[in-house]
């Protein structure tokens, strides 16, 4: 894939949007019994993953994918894979 340099305003808008999701995701992780909040956090992680990938931010997309997978497990009542979760701390 060929990297395309995006206009600074597009990148700034993406960064601002992604940052706005982080407090909401963190808040959801403090309320693991709130399935609705966790589902919303999953959607935010999915949005970050997809948008980052489209913009060529592969590392961020991969991290969001790990978070998305863990949130999906929690929403479904399963325990996240500890090896995958450990990668988020890197």
N, C-alpha and C. Protein backbone atom coordinates (compact mmCIF):
# COMPACT_ATOMS: atom_id res chain seq x y z
N UNK A 1 0.84 -1.17 0.00
CA UNK A 1 0.00 0.00 0.00
C UNK A 1 0.89 1.24 0.00
N UNK A 2 0.50 2.21 -0.78
CA UNK A 2 1.25 3.46 -0.88
C UNK A 2 0.68 4.45 0.13
N UNK A 3 1.57 5.03 0.92
CA UNK A 3 1.13 6.00 1.91
C UNK A 3 0.77 7.31 1.22
N UNK A 4 -0.35 7.86 1.60
CA UNK A 4 -0.82 9.13 1.05
C UNK A 4 -0.81 10.14 2.18
N UNK A 5 -0.19 11.27 1.94
CA UNK A 5 -0.17 12.31 2.97
C UNK A 5 -1.48 13.07 2.93
N UNK A 6 -2.16 13.07 4.04
CA UNK A 6 -3.45 13.75 4.14
C UNK A 6 -3.26 15.19 4.56
N UNK A 7 -4.20 16.03 4.20
CA UNK A 7 -4.12 17.42 4.64
C UNK A 7 -4.12 17.49 6.17
N UNK A 8 -3.37 18.42 6.73
CA UNK A 8 -3.27 18.53 8.20
C UNK A 8 -4.62 18.67 8.90
N UNK A 9 -5.58 19.34 8.28
CA UNK A 9 -6.87 19.52 8.94
C UNK A 9 -7.64 18.21 9.06
N UNK A 10 -7.46 17.31 8.10
CA UNK A 10 -8.12 15.99 8.16
C UNK A 10 -7.50 15.19 9.31
N UNK A 11 -6.17 15.19 9.38
CA UNK A 11 -5.49 14.46 10.45
C UNK A 11 -5.85 15.04 11.81
N UNK A 12 -5.88 16.36 11.92
CA UNK A 12 -6.23 17.00 13.19
C UNK A 12 -7.65 16.65 13.61
N UNK A 13 -8.55 16.61 12.66
CA UNK A 13 -9.95 16.26 12.96
C UNK A 13 -10.05 14.82 13.45
N UNK A 14 -9.32 13.91 12.81
CA UNK A 14 -9.31 12.51 13.23
C UNK A 14 -8.76 12.37 14.64
N UNK A 15 -7.65 13.03 14.91
CA UNK A 15 -7.03 12.96 16.24
C UNK A 15 -7.97 13.50 17.30
N UNK A 16 -8.62 14.62 17.03
CA UNK A 16 -9.56 15.21 17.99
C UNK A 16 -10.73 14.26 18.27
N UNK A 17 -11.26 13.67 17.22
CA UNK A 17 -12.38 12.73 17.40
C UNK A 17 -11.95 11.51 18.20
N UNK A 18 -10.81 10.93 17.84
CA UNK A 18 -10.32 9.74 18.55
C UNK A 18 -10.07 10.06 20.02
N UNK A 19 -9.46 11.20 20.29
CA UNK A 19 -9.20 11.60 21.67
C UNK A 19 -10.49 11.80 22.46
N UNK A 20 -11.53 12.26 21.79
CA UNK A 20 -12.80 12.49 22.49
C UNK A 20 -13.43 11.18 22.95
N UNK A 21 -13.09 10.07 22.30
CA UNK A 21 -13.63 8.77 22.67
C UNK A 21 -12.93 8.17 23.88
N UNK A 22 -11.68 8.52 24.09
CA UNK A 22 -10.87 7.86 25.13
C UNK A 22 -11.44 7.98 26.54
N UNK A 23 -11.89 9.15 26.98
CA UNK A 23 -12.48 9.21 28.33
C UNK A 23 -13.72 8.34 28.47
N UNK A 24 -14.49 8.26 27.41
CA UNK A 24 -15.70 7.45 27.45
C UNK A 24 -15.36 5.96 27.50
N UNK A 25 -14.34 5.56 26.76
CA UNK A 25 -13.89 4.16 26.81
C UNK A 25 -13.37 3.84 28.20
N UNK A 26 -12.54 4.72 28.74
CA UNK A 26 -11.98 4.51 30.09
C UNK A 26 -13.09 4.43 31.13
N UNK A 27 -14.09 5.30 31.02
CA UNK A 27 -15.20 5.27 31.95
C UNK A 27 -15.97 3.97 31.88
N UNK A 28 -16.13 3.44 30.68
CA UNK A 28 -16.83 2.17 30.50
C UNK A 28 -16.07 1.02 31.15
N UNK A 29 -14.75 1.09 31.10
CA UNK A 29 -13.93 0.03 31.69
C UNK A 29 -13.99 0.05 33.22
N UNK A 30 -14.43 1.16 33.79
CA UNK A 30 -14.62 1.24 35.24
C UNK A 30 -16.00 0.72 35.65
N UNK A 31 -16.86 0.46 34.65
CA UNK A 31 -18.21 -0.03 34.93
C UNK A 31 -18.46 -1.30 34.12
N UNK A 32 -17.75 -2.36 34.45
CA UNK A 32 -17.82 -3.59 33.67
C UNK A 32 -19.19 -4.25 33.72
N UNK A 33 -20.06 -3.82 34.62
CA UNK A 33 -21.40 -4.39 34.69
C UNK A 33 -22.39 -3.63 33.79
N UNK A 34 -21.95 -2.54 33.17
CA UNK A 34 -22.81 -1.72 32.32
C UNK A 34 -22.61 -2.12 30.85
N UNK A 35 -23.41 -3.08 30.40
CA UNK A 35 -23.27 -3.62 29.05
C UNK A 35 -23.47 -2.55 27.98
N UNK A 36 -24.38 -1.64 28.21
CA UNK A 36 -24.63 -0.58 27.23
C UNK A 36 -23.40 0.31 27.06
N UNK A 37 -22.79 0.71 28.17
CA UNK A 37 -21.58 1.54 28.10
C UNK A 37 -20.43 0.79 27.45
N UNK A 38 -20.30 -0.50 27.75
CA UNK A 38 -19.24 -1.30 27.14
C UNK A 38 -19.48 -1.48 25.64
N UNK A 39 -20.73 -1.63 25.25
CA UNK A 39 -21.05 -1.75 23.82
C UNK A 39 -20.70 -0.45 23.09
N UNK A 40 -20.97 0.67 23.74
CA UNK A 40 -20.61 1.96 23.15
C UNK A 40 -19.08 2.08 23.05
N UNK A 41 -18.37 1.65 24.07
CA UNK A 41 -16.90 1.68 24.04
C UNK A 41 -16.39 0.80 22.91
N UNK A 42 -17.02 -0.35 22.70
CA UNK A 42 -16.66 -1.25 21.60
C UNK A 42 -16.82 -0.51 20.26
N UNK A 43 -17.93 0.20 20.10
CA UNK A 43 -18.15 0.93 18.85
C UNK A 43 -17.11 2.03 18.66
N UNK A 44 -16.73 2.71 19.75
CA UNK A 44 -15.69 3.73 19.65
C UNK A 44 -14.36 3.10 19.23
N UNK A 45 -14.00 1.98 19.85
CA UNK A 45 -12.75 1.30 19.50
C UNK A 45 -12.78 0.86 18.04
N UNK A 46 -13.93 0.37 17.59
CA UNK A 46 -14.08 -0.05 16.20
C UNK A 46 -13.90 1.14 15.25
N UNK A 47 -14.49 2.27 15.62
CA UNK A 47 -14.36 3.47 14.79
C UNK A 47 -12.92 3.93 14.71
N UNK A 48 -12.23 3.94 15.85
CA UNK A 48 -10.82 4.33 15.85
C UNK A 48 -10.01 3.36 14.99
N UNK A 49 -10.26 2.07 15.15
CA UNK A 49 -9.54 1.05 14.38
C UNK A 49 -9.70 1.28 12.89
N UNK A 50 -10.94 1.43 12.46
CA UNK A 50 -11.22 1.57 11.03
C UNK A 50 -10.69 2.88 10.46
N UNK A 51 -10.94 3.95 11.18
CA UNK A 51 -10.49 5.27 10.69
C UNK A 51 -8.97 5.34 10.64
N UNK A 52 -8.32 4.84 11.67
CA UNK A 52 -6.85 4.85 11.69
C UNK A 52 -6.29 4.04 10.53
N UNK A 53 -6.90 2.90 10.26
CA UNK A 53 -6.43 2.06 9.14
C UNK A 53 -6.59 2.79 7.82
N UNK A 54 -7.73 3.45 7.62
CA UNK A 54 -7.97 4.18 6.36
C UNK A 54 -6.98 5.32 6.19
N UNK A 55 -6.53 5.89 7.31
CA UNK A 55 -5.62 7.03 7.24
C UNK A 55 -4.15 6.60 7.23
N UNK A 56 -3.91 5.29 7.32
CA UNK A 56 -2.54 4.80 7.28
C UNK A 56 -1.84 4.73 8.62
N UNK A 57 -2.58 4.90 9.72
CA UNK A 57 -2.00 4.82 11.06
C UNK A 57 -2.11 3.38 11.56
N UNK A 58 -1.26 2.53 11.03
CA UNK A 58 -1.35 1.09 11.26
C UNK A 58 -1.20 0.73 12.73
N UNK A 59 -0.24 1.30 13.41
CA UNK A 59 -0.02 0.97 14.82
C UNK A 59 -1.23 1.28 15.68
N UNK A 60 -1.80 2.46 15.48
CA UNK A 60 -3.00 2.84 16.23
C UNK A 60 -4.16 1.92 15.88
N UNK A 61 -4.29 1.58 14.63
CA UNK A 61 -5.36 0.67 14.21
C UNK A 61 -5.21 -0.69 14.89
N UNK A 62 -4.00 -1.18 14.98
CA UNK A 62 -3.76 -2.48 15.62
C UNK A 62 -4.06 -2.43 17.12
N UNK A 63 -3.68 -1.35 17.78
CA UNK A 63 -3.98 -1.21 19.21
C UNK A 63 -5.50 -1.14 19.44
N UNK A 64 -6.18 -0.38 18.59
CA UNK A 64 -7.63 -0.28 18.72
C UNK A 64 -8.29 -1.63 18.45
N UNK A 65 -7.71 -2.41 17.56
CA UNK A 65 -8.24 -3.75 17.28
C UNK A 65 -8.12 -4.66 18.51
N UNK A 66 -7.01 -4.58 19.22
CA UNK A 66 -6.84 -5.35 20.45
C UNK A 66 -7.88 -4.93 21.49
N UNK A 67 -8.06 -3.62 21.65
CA UNK A 67 -9.05 -3.11 22.59
C UNK A 67 -10.45 -3.55 22.20
N UNK A 68 -10.74 -3.46 20.93
CA UNK A 68 -12.05 -3.87 20.41
C UNK A 68 -12.33 -5.34 20.73
N UNK A 69 -11.34 -6.19 20.53
CA UNK A 69 -11.50 -7.63 20.80
C UNK A 69 -11.75 -7.88 22.29
N UNK A 70 -11.02 -7.18 23.14
CA UNK A 70 -11.21 -7.35 24.58
C UNK A 70 -12.60 -6.87 25.01
N UNK A 71 -13.02 -5.74 24.49
CA UNK A 71 -14.35 -5.23 24.82
C UNK A 71 -15.45 -6.18 24.34
N UNK A 72 -15.25 -6.75 23.18
CA UNK A 72 -16.23 -7.72 22.68
C UNK A 72 -16.34 -8.91 23.62
N UNK A 73 -15.21 -9.42 24.08
CA UNK A 73 -15.23 -10.53 25.04
C UNK A 73 -16.00 -10.16 26.29
N UNK A 74 -15.72 -8.99 26.84
CA UNK A 74 -16.37 -8.56 28.08
C UNK A 74 -17.88 -8.42 27.87
N UNK A 75 -18.29 -7.81 26.75
CA UNK A 75 -19.71 -7.64 26.47
C UNK A 75 -20.41 -8.99 26.36
N UNK A 76 -19.72 -9.97 25.79
CA UNK A 76 -20.30 -11.31 25.63
C UNK A 76 -20.20 -12.15 26.89
N UNK A 77 -19.59 -11.59 27.94
CA UNK A 77 -19.50 -12.30 29.21
C UNK A 77 -18.31 -13.24 29.31
N UNK A 78 -17.36 -13.09 28.41
CA UNK A 78 -16.15 -13.91 28.43
C UNK A 78 -14.99 -13.11 29.00
N UNK A 79 -13.94 -13.83 29.37
CA UNK A 79 -12.72 -13.17 29.83
C UNK A 79 -11.83 -12.90 28.62
N UNK A 80 -11.28 -11.70 28.51
CA UNK A 80 -10.36 -11.41 27.42
C UNK A 80 -9.11 -12.30 27.53
N UNK A 81 -8.49 -12.54 26.41
CA UNK A 81 -7.25 -13.31 26.34
C UNK A 81 -6.14 -12.50 27.03
N UNK A 82 -5.56 -13.01 28.11
CA UNK A 82 -4.54 -12.25 28.85
C UNK A 82 -3.34 -11.86 27.99
N UNK A 83 -2.96 -12.72 27.04
CA UNK A 83 -1.82 -12.39 26.17
C UNK A 83 -2.14 -11.20 25.29
N UNK A 84 -3.37 -11.17 24.78
CA UNK A 84 -3.78 -10.05 23.92
C UNK A 84 -3.90 -8.79 24.76
N UNK A 85 -4.48 -8.89 25.94
CA UNK A 85 -4.65 -7.74 26.82
C UNK A 85 -3.31 -7.17 27.23
N UNK A 86 -2.33 -8.03 27.46
CA UNK A 86 -0.99 -7.58 27.86
C UNK A 86 -0.36 -6.71 26.76
N UNK A 87 -0.72 -6.95 25.52
CA UNK A 87 -0.17 -6.15 24.42
C UNK A 87 -0.65 -4.70 24.47
N UNK A 88 -1.79 -4.47 25.09
CA UNK A 88 -2.31 -3.11 25.20
C UNK A 88 -1.44 -2.24 26.11
N UNK A 89 -0.74 -2.87 27.05
CA UNK A 89 0.11 -2.14 27.97
C UNK A 89 1.44 -1.74 27.40
N UNK A 90 1.71 -2.16 26.21
CA UNK A 90 3.02 -1.85 25.59
C UNK A 90 3.08 -0.46 25.04
